[in-house]
Structures are given as structure tokens and as C-alpha cells.
Amino acid sequence: MTSVKESDLDNIKAELLKNVGKNIQHIREEKGLSQFDLITKMLGEFDVTNVSRIESGRNNPTLFTLYRIAKALGVSTSDLINFEDKTSLLKD
């Protein structure tokens, strides 16, 4: 395992959050849903500002939140986190 600087880890985390958020936004828009439409389909209570923060990569959603979003969008949780890692910062 290679040694990674804390700043690199922060950059990796930020990139992952942005990519997941973009996937959620893309799928939501592809289905013709607004952020408000999405939260009305989600299990339990959720605030539209949280969706906005997740889609912009400013919030780190829990696995349960990703599950709820996936169910509301009619996709699998893996669809939300499936993306090409174009800038792999960690190398074996």
C-alpha cells in the first residue's frame, strides 16, 4: 500500500462526492424529476436542501440515504456510485 498525504485523501473524497452527486442529478433529471419530486418519493422525511447539497458534492450521504434515493429513483444503489475513476489518485 502506498502512503497517501492527508490533502490527497481530502481531494479524493471531494471528487468521489462530486461524482456521486452528479450521478444522482443526472438520473433524477433523466427521469424528469425535480429535487422536490425526488424527496416526495423517498422513504421517510428528507429536506430538499439536503438533495441539493448531495448533488453538488457538499454532503457525504450515508449508505441508508443513498438507498432511499436509489429506491425513489427506481435504480440500484450501485447505479448511484457507478462512475469511471478518470483521475485515480491512488495507485497500487
C-alpha atoms as a PDB file:
ATOM      1  CA  MET A   1       0.000   0.000   0.000  1.00  0.00           C
ATOM      2  CA  THR A   2       1.284   3.419  -0.857  1.00  0.00           C
ATOM      3  CA  SER A   3       1.446   6.264   1.592  1.00  0.00           C
ATOM      4  CA  VAL A   4      -1.062   9.000   0.828  1.00  0.00           C
ATOM      5  CA  LYS A   5      -0.992  12.547   2.138  1.00  0.00           C
ATOM      6  CA  GLU A   6      -3.997  13.852   4.045  1.00  0.00           C
ATOM      7  CA  SER A   7      -4.539  16.548   1.395  1.00  0.00           C
ATOM      8  CA  ASP A   8      -4.683  13.852  -1.299  1.00  0.00           C
ATOM      9  CA  LEU A   9      -7.301  11.976   0.719  1.00  0.00           C
ATOM     10  CA  ASP A  10      -9.356  15.144   1.020  1.00  0.00           C
ATOM     11  CA  ASN A  11      -9.153  15.625  -2.746  1.00  0.00           C
ATOM     12  CA  ILE A  12     -10.177  12.023  -3.391  1.00  0.00           C
ATOM     13  CA  LYS A  13     -13.139  12.351  -1.027  1.00  0.00           C
ATOM     14  CA  ALA A  14     -14.259  15.611  -2.668  1.00  0.00           C
ATOM     15  CA  GLU A  15     -14.024  14.065  -6.128  1.00  0.00           C
ATOM     16  CA  LEU A  16     -15.978  10.975  -5.083  1.00  0.00           C
ATOM     17  CA  LEU A  17     -18.730  13.078  -3.517  1.00  0.00           C
ATOM     18  CA  LYS A  18     -18.988  15.247  -6.642  1.00  0.00           C
ATOM     19  CA  ASN A  19     -19.171  12.188  -8.909  1.00  0.00           C
ATOM     20  CA  VAL A  20     -21.896  10.546  -6.822  1.00  0.00           C
ATOM     21  CA  GLY A  21     -23.813  13.821  -6.722  1.00  0.00           C
ATOM     22  CA  LYS A  22     -23.547  14.225 -10.496  1.00  0.00           C
ATOM     23  CA  ASN A  23     -24.834  10.676 -10.979  1.00  0.00           C
ATOM     24  CA  ILE A  24     -27.830  11.351  -8.753  1.00  0.00           C
ATOM     25  CA  GLN A  25     -28.592  14.618 -10.523  1.00  0.00           C
ATOM     26  CA  HIS A  26     -28.206  13.035 -13.963  1.00  0.00           C
ATOM     27  CA  ILE A  27     -30.521  10.121 -13.147  1.00  0.00           C
ATOM     28  CA  ARG A  28     -33.054  12.438 -11.490  1.00  0.00           C
ATOM     29  CA  GLU A  29     -33.122  14.810 -14.468  1.00  0.00           C
ATOM     30  CA  GLU A  30     -33.222  11.895 -16.922  1.00  0.00           C
ATOM     31  CA  LYS A  31     -36.413  10.764 -15.174  1.00  0.00           C
ATOM     32  CA  GLY A  32     -37.854  14.287 -15.379  1.00  0.00           C
ATOM     33  CA  LEU A  33     -37.932  14.793 -11.620  1.00  0.00           C
ATOM     34  CA  SER A  34     -37.252  17.962  -9.691  1.00  0.00           C
ATOM     35  CA  GLN A  35     -35.430  17.772  -6.379  1.00  0.00           C
ATOM     36  CA  PHE A  36     -38.786  18.264  -4.673  1.00  0.00           C
ATOM     37  CA  ASP A  37     -40.301  15.388  -6.693  1.00  0.00           C
ATOM     38  CA  LEU A  38     -37.423  13.191  -5.541  1.00  0.00           C
ATOM     39  CA  ILE A  39     -37.908  13.876  -1.837  1.00  0.00           C
ATOM     40  CA  THR A  40     -41.648  13.195  -2.085  1.00  0.00           C
ATOM     41  CA  LYS A  41     -40.818   9.716  -3.411  1.00  0.00           C
ATOM     42  CA  MET A  42     -38.223   8.976  -0.707  1.00  0.00           C
ATOM     43  CA  LEU A  43     -38.879   6.806   2.328  1.00  0.00           C
ATOM     44  CA  GLY A  44     -39.234   8.928   5.458  1.00  0.00           C
ATOM     45  CA  GLU A  45     -38.630  12.641   5.771  1.00  0.00           C
ATOM     46  CA  PHE A  46     -35.938  14.413   3.800  1.00  0.00           C
ATOM     47  CA  ASP A  47     -35.228  18.055   3.056  1.00  0.00           C
ATOM     48  CA  VAL A  48     -34.780  19.392  -0.473  1.00  0.00           C
ATOM     49  CA  THR A  49     -31.695  21.337   0.639  1.00  0.00           C
ATOM     50  CA  ASN A  50     -30.056  18.017   1.531  1.00  0.00           C
ATOM     51  CA  VAL A  51     -30.627  16.767  -2.023  1.00  0.00           C
ATOM     52  CA  SER A  52     -29.069  19.965  -3.331  1.00  0.00           C
ATOM     53  CA  ARG A  53     -26.034  19.528  -1.078  1.00  0.00           C
ATOM     54  CA  ILE A  54     -25.603  15.885  -2.083  1.00  0.00           C
ATOM     55  CA  GLU A  55     -25.904  16.646  -5.792  1.00  0.00           C
ATOM     56  CA  SER A  56     -23.308  19.407  -5.521  1.00  0.00           C
ATOM     57  CA  GLY A  57     -20.908  17.175  -3.598  1.00  0.00           C
ATOM     58  CA  ARG A  58     -21.106  19.231  -0.400  1.00  0.00           C
ATOM     59  CA  ASN A  59     -22.736  16.494   1.692  1.00  0.00           C
ATOM     60  CA  ASN A  60     -21.491  12.983   2.377  1.00  0.00           C
ATOM     61  CA  PRO A  61     -24.672  10.879   2.309  1.00  0.00           C
ATOM     62  CA  THR A  62     -24.976   7.773   4.434  1.00  0.00           C
ATOM     63  CA  LEU A  63     -25.465   4.398   2.823  1.00  0.00           C
ATOM     64  CA  PHE A  64     -29.078   4.460   4.014  1.00  0.00           C
ATOM     65  CA  THR A  65     -29.639   7.845   2.359  1.00  0.00           C
ATOM     66  CA  LEU A  66     -28.181   6.517  -0.907  1.00  0.00           C
ATOM     67  CA  TYR A  67     -30.505   3.520  -0.611  1.00  0.00           C
ATOM     68  CA  ARG A  68     -33.513   5.797  -0.120  1.00  0.00           C
ATOM     69  CA  ILE A  69     -32.517   7.975  -3.092  1.00  0.00           C
ATOM     70  CA  ALA A  70     -31.973   4.914  -5.286  1.00  0.00           C
ATOM     71  CA  LYS A  71     -35.380   3.466  -4.372  1.00  0.00           C
ATOM     72  CA  ALA A  72     -37.065   6.813  -5.091  1.00  0.00           C
ATOM     73  CA  LEU A  73     -35.338   6.961  -8.486  1.00  0.00           C
ATOM     74  CA  GLY A  74     -36.117   3.326  -9.290  1.00  0.00           C
ATOM     75  CA  VAL A  75     -32.454   2.350  -9.691  1.00  0.00           C
ATOM     76  CA  SER A  76     -29.968   0.317  -7.684  1.00  0.00           C
ATOM     77  CA  THR A  77     -27.689   1.898  -5.119  1.00  0.00           C
ATOM     78  CA  SER A  78     -24.738   0.804  -7.236  1.00  0.00           C
ATOM     79  CA  ASP A  79     -26.108   2.902 -10.121  1.00  0.00           C
ATOM     80  CA  LEU A  80     -25.611   5.985  -7.961  1.00  0.00           C
ATOM     81  CA  ILE A  81     -21.988   5.250  -7.184  1.00  0.00           C
ATOM     82  CA  ASN A  82     -21.005   3.684 -10.511  1.00  0.00           C
ATOM     83  CA  PHE A  83     -18.664   6.023 -12.366  1.00  0.00           C
ATOM     84  CA  GLU A  84     -15.360   5.919 -14.149  1.00  0.00           C
ATOM     85  CA  ASP A  85     -12.474   6.998 -11.965  1.00  0.00           C
ATOM     86  CA  LYS A  86     -10.740   9.163 -14.540  1.00  0.00           C
ATOM     87  CA  THR A  87      -8.253  10.703 -12.150  1.00  0.00           C
ATOM     88  CA  SER A  88      -7.246   7.803  -9.977  1.00  0.00           C
ATOM     89  CA  LEU A  89      -5.156   9.417  -7.258  1.00  0.00           C
ATOM     90  CA  LEU A  90      -4.402   6.147  -5.516  1.00  0.00           C
ATOM     91  CA  LYS A  91      -2.099   3.781  -7.319  1.00  0.00           C
ATOM     92  CA  ASP A  92      -1.155   0.308  -6.121  1.00  0.00           C
END
